[in-house]
Amino acid sequence: MGALMKLIDTILIIFFLIIAIAAPLLDAQTCLPSNIFPDILVHLKTWYTHEYGDYLVSEKPHFFVGLIWVELLFAWPLSIASIYGIAAGKSWVRTTCLMYGVSTLTSMVAILSEMVGSGKASEKLLKMYYPFLGFAVLAILRGLLPHSSKSNASVTRPAVARKKRA
C-alpha cells in the first residue's frame, strides 16, 4: 500500500501544482477584469477558448463564474496547502485532499452535466475536462485512505509508570 500511496501523492502533487499556477493566472480571468492580467496570459486564455471551443469560458454563465469563485477562494488555497502537506508528510493532508476532492468533484459534475446535456461541447473539450473529474476522485481517495500501512488500533500505549518511593 505504501508504493500505491507514493504514486497517488506524486500524481496529486503534479495536479495541485497545475492548479496552483493555472487558477490565479488563467481561471481568474473568467471573473476578474482582463486588464489586470498581462497580455500574454489574456492571449493564452483566448487561444485556449478558440482551440478547444470552451463556450463556458467565452459565454461566462453565472453558475460557471460562481464555480470559478469557489475554486479561487476555496480550492486554490487547499491545493497549495495539499502540496505542502504531501511534501512535508503532514497528517492533516488527508483532510485537505478530501475537502479539495469533494469540492472539485461537485464542480466538475455540474460543469460536465451542462456540457454533455447541452450538446455544445466537442469531444476535444470533454477530454480536457474529464481528467479533472478523475483527479477529484483521486484526491477523495487520498483523503479516505490511511497513509501508513500500520493501523492506529495496533499502536499500544506504554503502561503508566508507578512513582518510585524513596
N, C-alpha and C. Protein backbone atom coordinates (compact mmCIF):
# COMPACT_ATOMS: atom_id res chain seq x y z
N MET A 1 0.82 -1.19 0.00
CA MET A 1 0.00 0.00 0.00
C MET A 1 0.87 1.26 0.00
N GLY A 2 2.07 1.18 0.55
CA GLY A 2 2.96 2.33 0.61
C GLY A 2 3.36 2.82 -0.76
N ALA A 3 3.66 1.90 -1.69
CA ALA A 3 4.05 2.30 -3.05
C ALA A 3 2.87 2.93 -3.79
N LEU A 4 1.68 2.40 -3.56
CA LEU A 4 0.48 2.97 -4.19
C LEU A 4 0.24 4.39 -3.68
N MET A 5 0.42 4.61 -2.39
CA MET A 5 0.23 5.95 -1.83
C MET A 5 1.27 6.92 -2.36
N LYS A 6 2.49 6.47 -2.54
CA LYS A 6 3.54 7.33 -3.12
C LYS A 6 3.16 7.73 -4.55
N LEU A 7 2.63 6.78 -5.32
CA LEU A 7 2.20 7.06 -6.69
C LEU A 7 1.05 8.07 -6.70
N ILE A 8 0.06 7.85 -5.83
CA ILE A 8 -1.08 8.77 -5.73
C ILE A 8 -0.59 10.15 -5.32
N ASP A 9 0.31 10.21 -4.34
CA ASP A 9 0.85 11.50 -3.89
C ASP A 9 1.59 12.22 -5.02
N THR A 10 2.37 11.48 -5.80
CA THR A 10 3.11 12.09 -6.92
C THR A 10 2.15 12.66 -7.95
N ILE A 11 1.14 11.89 -8.31
CA ILE A 11 0.14 12.37 -9.28
C ILE A 11 -0.58 13.59 -8.74
N LEU A 12 -0.95 13.56 -7.47
CA LEU A 12 -1.67 14.69 -6.88
C LEU A 12 -0.81 15.93 -6.78
N ILE A 13 0.47 15.77 -6.44
CA ILE A 13 1.34 16.95 -6.37
C ILE A 13 1.44 17.62 -7.75
N ILE A 14 1.57 16.83 -8.80
CA ILE A 14 1.63 17.39 -10.16
C ILE A 14 0.32 18.13 -10.47
N PHE A 15 -0.79 17.51 -10.15
CA PHE A 15 -2.10 18.12 -10.39
C PHE A 15 -2.27 19.40 -9.57
N PHE A 16 -1.91 19.34 -8.28
CA PHE A 16 -2.04 20.52 -7.42
C PHE A 16 -1.12 21.65 -7.88
N LEU A 17 0.04 21.33 -8.41
CA LEU A 17 0.93 22.36 -8.95
C LEU A 17 0.30 23.05 -10.16
N ILE A 18 -0.32 22.26 -11.02
CA ILE A 18 -1.01 22.84 -12.18
C ILE A 18 -2.12 23.78 -11.72
N ILE A 19 -2.90 23.35 -10.74
CA ILE A 19 -3.99 24.17 -10.22
C ILE A 19 -3.45 25.42 -9.54
N ALA A 20 -2.38 25.27 -8.77
CA ALA A 20 -1.80 26.41 -8.05
C ALA A 20 -1.33 27.50 -9.01
N ILE A 21 -0.93 27.11 -10.21
CA ILE A 21 -0.47 28.07 -11.21
C ILE A 21 -1.62 28.55 -12.09
N ALA A 22 -2.44 27.63 -12.57
CA ALA A 22 -3.48 27.97 -13.54
C ALA A 22 -4.64 28.73 -12.94
N ALA A 23 -5.03 28.43 -11.73
CA ALA A 23 -6.22 29.08 -11.15
C ALA A 23 -6.08 30.60 -11.07
N PRO A 24 -5.01 31.11 -10.47
CA PRO A 24 -4.95 32.57 -10.39
C PRO A 24 -4.56 33.26 -11.70
N LEU A 25 -3.87 32.55 -12.58
CA LEU A 25 -3.39 33.18 -13.81
C LEU A 25 -4.36 33.05 -14.99
N LEU A 26 -5.07 31.93 -15.06
CA LEU A 26 -5.96 31.70 -16.20
C LEU A 26 -7.44 31.70 -15.81
N ASP A 27 -7.79 30.89 -14.82
CA ASP A 27 -9.20 30.79 -14.44
C ASP A 27 -9.74 32.09 -13.89
N ALA A 28 -8.91 32.84 -13.20
CA ALA A 28 -9.36 34.12 -12.62
C ALA A 28 -9.80 35.11 -13.68
N GLN A 29 -9.34 34.93 -14.91
CA GLN A 29 -9.74 35.83 -15.99
C GLN A 29 -11.24 35.72 -16.29
N THR A 30 -11.84 34.63 -15.86
CA THR A 30 -13.27 34.43 -16.08
C THR A 30 -14.10 35.39 -15.22
N CYS A 31 -13.61 35.73 -14.05
CA CYS A 31 -14.42 36.56 -13.16
C CYS A 31 -13.78 37.88 -12.76
N LEU A 32 -12.59 38.15 -13.23
CA LEU A 32 -11.92 39.42 -12.95
C LEU A 32 -11.67 40.16 -14.27
N PRO A 33 -11.51 41.47 -14.23
CA PRO A 33 -11.27 42.23 -15.47
C PRO A 33 -9.97 41.79 -16.15
N SER A 34 -10.01 41.65 -17.45
CA SER A 34 -8.83 41.17 -18.19
C SER A 34 -7.69 42.17 -18.20
N ASN A 35 -7.97 43.44 -17.93
CA ASN A 35 -6.89 44.43 -17.98
C ASN A 35 -5.91 44.33 -16.81
N ILE A 36 -6.22 43.53 -15.81
CA ILE A 36 -5.27 43.35 -14.70
C ILE A 36 -4.28 42.22 -14.96
N PHE A 37 -4.46 41.50 -16.07
CA PHE A 37 -3.58 40.39 -16.42
C PHE A 37 -2.64 40.80 -17.54
N PRO A 38 -1.44 40.24 -17.56
CA PRO A 38 -0.52 40.53 -18.68
C PRO A 38 -1.12 40.04 -20.00
N ASP A 39 -0.77 40.74 -21.07
CA ASP A 39 -1.32 40.40 -22.39
C ASP A 39 -1.06 38.95 -22.78
N ILE A 40 0.10 38.44 -22.43
CA ILE A 40 0.42 37.06 -22.82
C ILE A 40 -0.56 36.06 -22.18
N LEU A 41 -0.99 36.32 -20.95
CA LEU A 41 -1.96 35.44 -20.30
C LEU A 41 -3.36 35.58 -20.92
N VAL A 42 -3.71 36.80 -21.27
CA VAL A 42 -5.01 37.02 -21.93
C VAL A 42 -5.03 36.32 -23.29
N HIS A 43 -3.92 36.42 -24.04
CA HIS A 43 -3.84 35.74 -25.35
C HIS A 43 -3.86 34.22 -25.18
N LEU A 44 -3.21 33.71 -24.14
CA LEU A 44 -3.22 32.27 -23.88
C LEU A 44 -4.64 31.80 -23.59
N LYS A 45 -5.37 32.54 -22.79
CA LYS A 45 -6.75 32.19 -22.47
C LYS A 45 -7.63 32.26 -23.73
N THR A 46 -7.42 33.28 -24.55
CA THR A 46 -8.18 33.41 -25.80
C THR A 46 -7.87 32.26 -26.74
N TRP A 47 -6.60 31.90 -26.86
CA TRP A 47 -6.21 30.76 -27.70
C TRP A 47 -6.89 29.49 -27.23
N TYR A 48 -6.84 29.24 -25.90
CA TYR A 48 -7.47 28.04 -25.34
C TYR A 48 -8.96 28.00 -25.66
N THR A 49 -9.63 29.14 -25.48
CA THR A 49 -11.07 29.20 -25.71
C THR A 49 -11.42 28.86 -27.15
N HIS A 50 -10.63 29.37 -28.10
CA HIS A 50 -10.89 29.09 -29.51
C HIS A 50 -10.44 27.68 -29.90
N GLU A 51 -9.30 27.25 -29.41
CA GLU A 51 -8.75 25.94 -29.77
C GLU A 51 -9.66 24.80 -29.30
N TYR A 52 -10.18 24.91 -28.08
CA TYR A 52 -10.99 23.84 -27.51
C TYR A 52 -12.49 24.12 -27.60
N GLY A 53 -12.86 25.28 -28.04
CA GLY A 53 -14.28 25.62 -28.14
C GLY A 53 -14.96 25.66 -26.78
N ASP A 54 -14.26 26.18 -25.79
CA ASP A 54 -14.81 26.21 -24.43
C ASP A 54 -15.81 27.35 -24.31
N TYR A 55 -17.07 27.01 -24.59
CA TYR A 55 -18.13 28.02 -24.60
C TYR A 55 -18.44 28.53 -23.20
N LEU A 56 -18.14 27.76 -22.17
CA LEU A 56 -18.39 28.23 -20.81
C LEU A 56 -17.45 29.39 -20.47
N VAL A 57 -16.22 29.30 -20.93
CA VAL A 57 -15.25 30.37 -20.68
C VAL A 57 -15.62 31.61 -21.48
N SER A 58 -16.07 31.43 -22.70
CA SER A 58 -16.39 32.60 -23.53
C SER A 58 -17.74 33.21 -23.17
N GLU A 59 -18.75 32.38 -22.86
CA GLU A 59 -20.09 32.91 -22.55
C GLU A 59 -20.23 33.33 -21.09
N LYS A 60 -19.45 32.76 -20.21
CA LYS A 60 -19.45 33.07 -18.78
C LYS A 60 -20.83 33.00 -18.13
N PRO A 61 -21.49 31.83 -18.20
CA PRO A 61 -22.78 31.73 -17.49
C PRO A 61 -22.57 31.90 -15.98
N HIS A 62 -23.60 32.38 -15.31
CA HIS A 62 -23.48 32.72 -13.90
C HIS A 62 -23.02 31.55 -13.03
N PHE A 63 -23.55 30.35 -13.29
CA PHE A 63 -23.15 29.21 -12.46
C PHE A 63 -21.66 28.92 -12.62
N PHE A 64 -21.14 29.10 -13.83
CA PHE A 64 -19.73 28.82 -14.09
C PHE A 64 -18.84 29.87 -13.40
N VAL A 65 -19.23 31.11 -13.46
CA VAL A 65 -18.48 32.17 -12.77
C VAL A 65 -18.49 31.90 -11.26
N GLY A 66 -19.62 31.46 -10.73
CA GLY A 66 -19.70 31.11 -9.31
C GLY A 66 -18.76 29.97 -8.95
N LEU A 67 -18.69 28.96 -9.81
CA LEU A 67 -17.78 27.84 -9.56
C LEU A 67 -16.32 28.28 -9.62
N ILE A 68 -16.01 29.22 -10.49
CA ILE A 68 -14.64 29.75 -10.56
C ILE A 68 -14.31 30.49 -9.26
N TRP A 69 -15.27 31.25 -8.73
CA TRP A 69 -15.04 31.92 -7.45
C TRP A 69 -14.79 30.90 -6.33
N VAL A 70 -15.55 29.81 -6.33
CA VAL A 70 -15.32 28.75 -5.34
C VAL A 70 -13.91 28.18 -5.50
N GLU A 71 -13.50 28.00 -6.75
CA GLU A 71 -12.15 27.48 -6.99
C GLU A 71 -11.09 28.45 -6.47
N LEU A 72 -11.26 29.73 -6.75
CA LEU A 72 -10.26 30.72 -6.33
C LEU A 72 -10.20 30.92 -4.82
N LEU A 73 -11.35 30.95 -4.19
CA LEU A 73 -11.39 31.27 -2.76
C LEU A 73 -11.29 30.05 -1.84
N PHE A 74 -11.65 28.88 -2.35
CA PHE A 74 -11.65 27.68 -1.51
C PHE A 74 -10.66 26.63 -2.00
N ALA A 75 -10.80 26.22 -3.25
CA ALA A 75 -10.00 25.11 -3.75
C ALA A 75 -8.54 25.49 -3.99
N TRP A 76 -8.29 26.70 -4.46
CA TRP A 76 -6.91 27.10 -4.74
C TRP A 76 -6.05 27.09 -3.47
N PRO A 77 -6.51 27.71 -2.37
CA PRO A 77 -5.70 27.62 -1.14
C PRO A 77 -5.52 26.18 -0.66
N LEU A 78 -6.55 25.35 -0.85
CA LEU A 78 -6.42 23.94 -0.47
C LEU A 78 -5.38 23.22 -1.31
N SER A 79 -5.27 23.59 -2.59
CA SER A 79 -4.26 22.94 -3.44
C SER A 79 -2.86 23.30 -2.96
N ILE A 80 -2.66 24.55 -2.56
CA ILE A 80 -1.35 24.96 -2.05
C ILE A 80 -1.05 24.26 -0.74
N ALA A 81 -2.04 24.20 0.15
CA ALA A 81 -1.85 23.51 1.42
C ALA A 81 -1.57 22.02 1.20
N SER A 82 -2.22 21.42 0.21
CA SER A 82 -2.02 20.00 -0.06
C SER A 82 -0.63 19.72 -0.62
N ILE A 83 -0.12 20.63 -1.45
CA ILE A 83 1.25 20.48 -1.95
C ILE A 83 2.21 20.43 -0.77
N TYR A 84 2.08 21.40 0.13
CA TYR A 84 2.95 21.45 1.30
C TYR A 84 2.74 20.22 2.18
N GLY A 85 1.48 19.86 2.41
CA GLY A 85 1.17 18.73 3.28
C GLY A 85 1.73 17.41 2.77
N ILE A 86 1.62 17.19 1.47
CA ILE A 86 2.15 15.95 0.89
C ILE A 86 3.68 15.96 0.93
N ALA A 87 4.28 17.09 0.54
CA ALA A 87 5.74 17.19 0.51
C ALA A 87 6.35 17.05 1.90
N ALA A 88 5.69 17.61 2.91
CA ALA A 88 6.23 17.59 4.27
C ALA A 88 5.72 16.39 5.09
N GLY A 89 4.83 15.60 4.51
CA GLY A 89 4.32 14.43 5.20
C GLY A 89 3.43 14.77 6.39
N LYS A 90 2.64 15.82 6.28
CA LYS A 90 1.78 16.25 7.37
C LYS A 90 0.55 15.35 7.49
N SER A 91 0.12 15.13 8.71
CA SER A 91 -1.02 14.25 8.94
C SER A 91 -2.34 14.86 8.47
N TRP A 92 -2.43 16.18 8.44
CA TRP A 92 -3.68 16.84 8.05
C TRP A 92 -3.91 16.85 6.55
N VAL A 93 -2.97 16.36 5.76
CA VAL A 93 -3.13 16.40 4.30
C VAL A 93 -4.33 15.56 3.84
N ARG A 94 -4.67 14.56 4.61
CA ARG A 94 -5.85 13.76 4.26
C ARG A 94 -7.09 14.65 4.25
N THR A 95 -7.17 15.55 5.22
CA THR A 95 -8.33 16.46 5.31
C THR A 95 -8.36 17.44 4.14
N THR A 96 -7.21 18.03 3.81
CA THR A 96 -7.20 19.00 2.69
C THR A 96 -7.49 18.31 1.37
N CYS A 97 -6.96 17.12 1.17
CA CYS A 97 -7.23 16.39 -0.07
C CYS A 97 -8.71 16.03 -0.17
N LEU A 98 -9.29 15.59 0.94
CA LEU A 98 -10.71 15.23 0.93
C LEU A 98 -11.57 16.45 0.63
N MET A 99 -11.27 17.57 1.28
CA MET A 99 -12.04 18.80 1.03
C MET A 99 -11.89 19.25 -0.41
N TYR A 100 -10.67 19.25 -0.93
CA TYR A 100 -10.43 19.66 -2.31
C TYR A 100 -11.16 18.72 -3.27
N GLY A 101 -11.03 17.43 -3.04
CA GLY A 101 -11.63 16.45 -3.94
C GLY A 101 -13.15 16.55 -4.01
N VAL A 102 -13.79 16.71 -2.86
CA VAL A 102 -15.25 16.82 -2.84
C VAL A 102 -15.70 18.11 -3.53
N SER A 103 -15.02 19.20 -3.26
CA SER A 103 -15.37 20.47 -3.90
C SER A 103 -15.21 20.38 -5.42
N THR A 104 -14.09 19.85 -5.87
CA THR A 104 -13.82 19.75 -7.31
C THR A 104 -14.76 18.75 -7.98
N LEU A 105 -15.03 17.64 -7.33
CA LEU A 105 -15.96 16.66 -7.90
C LEU A 105 -17.34 17.29 -8.08
N THR A 106 -17.79 18.03 -7.09
CA THR A 106 -19.09 18.69 -7.20
C THR A 106 -19.11 19.68 -8.37
N SER A 107 -18.07 20.48 -8.48
CA SER A 107 -17.98 21.45 -9.58
C SER A 107 -17.93 20.75 -10.93
N MET A 108 -17.13 19.69 -11.02
CA MET A 108 -16.98 19.00 -12.30
C MET A 108 -18.27 18.30 -12.73
N VAL A 109 -19.02 17.78 -11.78
CA VAL A 109 -20.31 17.16 -12.13
C VAL A 109 -21.24 18.22 -12.71
N ALA A 110 -21.27 19.40 -12.11
CA ALA A 110 -22.13 20.47 -12.63
C ALA A 110 -21.68 20.90 -14.02
N ILE A 111 -20.37 21.09 -14.20
CA ILE A 111 -19.84 21.55 -15.49
C ILE A 111 -20.04 20.50 -16.57
N LEU A 112 -19.70 19.26 -16.28
CA LEU A 112 -19.82 18.20 -17.28
C LEU A 112 -21.29 17.89 -17.60
N SER A 113 -22.16 18.02 -16.61
CA SER A 113 -23.60 17.83 -16.88
C SER A 113 -24.10 18.87 -17.86
N GLU A 114 -23.67 20.11 -17.67
CA GLU A 114 -24.04 21.18 -18.61
C GLU A 114 -23.49 20.89 -20.00
N MET A 115 -22.22 20.51 -20.06
CA MET A 115 -21.59 20.28 -21.37
C MET A 115 -22.22 19.12 -22.12
N VAL A 116 -22.41 18.02 -21.44
CA VAL A 116 -22.99 16.84 -22.10
C VAL A 116 -24.46 17.08 -22.41
N GLY A 117 -25.18 17.67 -21.44
CA GLY A 117 -26.62 17.91 -21.62
C GLY A 117 -26.94 18.91 -22.70
N SER A 118 -26.11 19.92 -22.86
CA SER A 118 -26.38 20.95 -23.88
C SER A 118 -26.02 20.50 -25.28
N GLY A 119 -25.09 19.55 -25.37
CA GLY A 119 -24.63 19.09 -26.68
C GLY A 119 -23.70 20.07 -27.36
N LYS A 120 -23.30 21.13 -26.68
CA LYS A 120 -22.42 22.14 -27.26
C LYS A 120 -20.95 21.76 -27.21
N ALA A 121 -20.60 20.88 -26.30
CA ALA A 121 -19.18 20.56 -26.08
C ALA A 121 -18.67 19.56 -27.11
N SER A 122 -17.50 19.86 -27.64
CA SER A 122 -16.85 18.92 -28.55
C SER A 122 -16.17 17.81 -27.75
N GLU A 123 -15.83 16.76 -28.44
CA GLU A 123 -15.11 15.66 -27.81
C GLU A 123 -13.77 16.14 -27.25
N LYS A 124 -13.14 17.04 -27.97
CA LYS A 124 -11.86 17.61 -27.55
C LYS A 124 -12.00 18.37 -26.24
N LEU A 125 -13.07 19.13 -26.10
CA LEU A 125 -13.30 19.88 -24.87
C LEU A 125 -13.59 18.94 -23.69
N LEU A 126 -14.41 17.94 -23.94
CA LEU A 126 -14.72 16.97 -22.88
C LEU A 126 -13.46 16.24 -22.41
N LYS A 127 -12.57 15.94 -23.35
CA LYS A 127 -11.32 15.28 -22.98
C LYS A 127 -10.42 16.20 -22.15
N MET A 128 -10.63 17.49 -22.26
CA MET A 128 -9.88 18.44 -21.43
C MET A 128 -10.42 18.48 -20.01
N TYR A 129 -11.74 18.32 -19.86
CA TYR A 129 -12.36 18.42 -18.54
C TYR A 129 -12.41 17.10 -17.77
N TYR A 130 -12.55 15.97 -18.45
CA TYR A 130 -12.68 14.69 -17.75
C TYR A 130 -11.53 14.36 -16.81
N PRO A 131 -10.28 14.66 -17.13
CA PRO A 131 -9.20 14.35 -16.18
C PRO A 131 -9.37 15.04 -14.82
N PHE A 132 -9.98 16.22 -14.80
CA PHE A 132 -10.21 16.90 -13.53
C PHE A 132 -11.19 16.12 -12.66
N LEU A 133 -12.12 15.44 -13.29
CA LEU A 133 -13.04 14.57 -12.57
C LEU A 133 -12.27 13.42 -11.93
N GLY A 134 -11.36 12.83 -12.71
CA GLY A 134 -10.53 11.74 -12.19
C GLY A 134 -9.62 12.18 -11.06
N PHE A 135 -9.02 13.36 -11.20
CA PHE A 135 -8.15 13.87 -10.14
C PHE A 135 -8.94 14.16 -8.87
N ALA A 136 -10.17 14.61 -9.02
CA ALA A 136 -11.02 14.86 -7.85
C ALA A 136 -11.28 13.56 -7.10
N VAL A 137 -11.59 12.50 -7.84
CA VAL A 137 -11.81 11.19 -7.21
C VAL A 137 -10.53 10.70 -6.54
N LEU A 138 -9.39 10.91 -7.19
CA LEU A 138 -8.11 10.51 -6.61
C LEU A 138 -7.83 11.28 -5.32
N ALA A 139 -8.14 12.56 -5.29
CA ALA A 139 -7.94 13.37 -4.08
C ALA A 139 -8.86 12.88 -2.96
N ILE A 140 -10.09 12.51 -3.31
CA ILE A 140 -11.01 11.97 -2.30
C ILE A 140 -10.46 10.67 -1.74
N LEU A 141 -9.99 9.79 -2.62
CA LEU A 141 -9.41 8.52 -2.16
C LEU A 141 -8.21 8.77 -1.26
N ARG A 142 -7.38 9.75 -1.62
CA ARG A 142 -6.21 10.09 -0.80
C ARG A 142 -6.66 10.56 0.58
N GLY A 143 -7.78 11.25 0.62
CA GLY A 143 -8.30 11.72 1.89
C GLY A 143 -8.91 10.62 2.74
N LEU A 144 -9.41 9.58 2.10
CA LEU A 144 -10.06 8.49 2.84
C LEU A 144 -9.13 7.36 3.23
N LEU A 145 -8.06 7.17 2.45
CA LEU A 145 -7.15 6.06 2.74
C LEU A 145 -6.07 6.49 3.73
N PRO A 146 -5.75 5.59 4.65
CA PRO A 146 -4.66 5.92 5.58
C PRO A 146 -3.34 5.94 4.85
N HIS A 147 -2.44 6.83 5.26
CA HIS A 147 -1.14 6.94 4.60
C HIS A 147 -0.20 5.82 5.02
N SER A 148 -0.30 5.42 6.25
CA SER A 148 0.60 4.40 6.78
C SER A 148 -0.06 3.04 6.67
N SER A 149 0.76 2.01 6.51
CA SER A 149 0.20 0.66 6.47
C SER A 149 -0.10 0.15 7.87
N LYS A 150 0.40 0.86 8.89
CA LYS A 150 0.11 0.48 10.27
C LYS A 150 -1.26 1.03 10.65
N SER A 151 -2.00 0.23 11.35
CA SER A 151 -3.31 0.66 11.83
C SER A 151 -3.16 1.35 13.17
N ASN A 152 -3.99 2.33 13.43
CA ASN A 152 -3.95 3.00 14.71
C ASN A 152 -4.35 2.08 15.85
N ALA A 153 -5.13 1.05 15.55
CA ALA A 153 -5.58 0.13 16.58
C ALA A 153 -4.43 -0.73 17.10
N SER A 154 -3.41 -0.93 16.29
CA SER A 154 -2.31 -1.79 16.71
C SER A 154 -1.28 -1.06 17.56
N VAL A 155 -1.43 0.25 17.69
CA VAL A 155 -0.49 1.02 18.49
C VAL A 155 -0.84 0.82 19.96
N THR A 156 0.13 0.39 20.73
CA THR A 156 -0.12 0.18 22.16
C THR A 156 0.50 1.31 22.95
N ARG A 157 -0.16 1.63 24.03
CA ARG A 157 0.35 2.68 24.90
C ARG A 157 1.23 2.04 25.97
N PRO A 158 2.27 2.73 26.37
CA PRO A 158 3.09 2.19 27.44
C PRO A 158 2.30 2.21 28.75
N ALA A 159 2.60 1.26 29.56
CA ALA A 159 1.94 1.19 30.86
C ALA A 159 2.30 2.41 31.69
N VAL A 160 1.36 2.87 32.46
CA VAL A 160 1.61 4.02 33.30
C VAL A 160 2.63 3.62 34.37
N ALA A 161 3.68 4.35 34.42
CA ALA A 161 4.75 4.03 35.37
C ALA A 161 4.34 4.46 36.78
N ARG A 162 4.70 3.61 37.74
CA ARG A 162 4.41 3.95 39.13
C ARG A 162 5.51 4.87 39.65
N LYS A 163 5.11 5.75 40.54
CA LYS A 163 6.11 6.62 41.15
C LYS A 163 6.97 5.79 42.07
N LYS A 164 8.26 6.05 42.00
CA LYS A 164 9.18 5.37 42.90
C LYS A 164 9.18 6.10 44.23
N ARG A 165 9.20 5.33 45.27
CA ARG A 165 9.26 5.93 46.60
C ARG A 165 10.69 5.85 47.11
N ALA A 166 11.08 6.88 47.74
CA ALA A 166 12.45 6.91 48.25
C ALA A 166 12.62 6.13 49.51
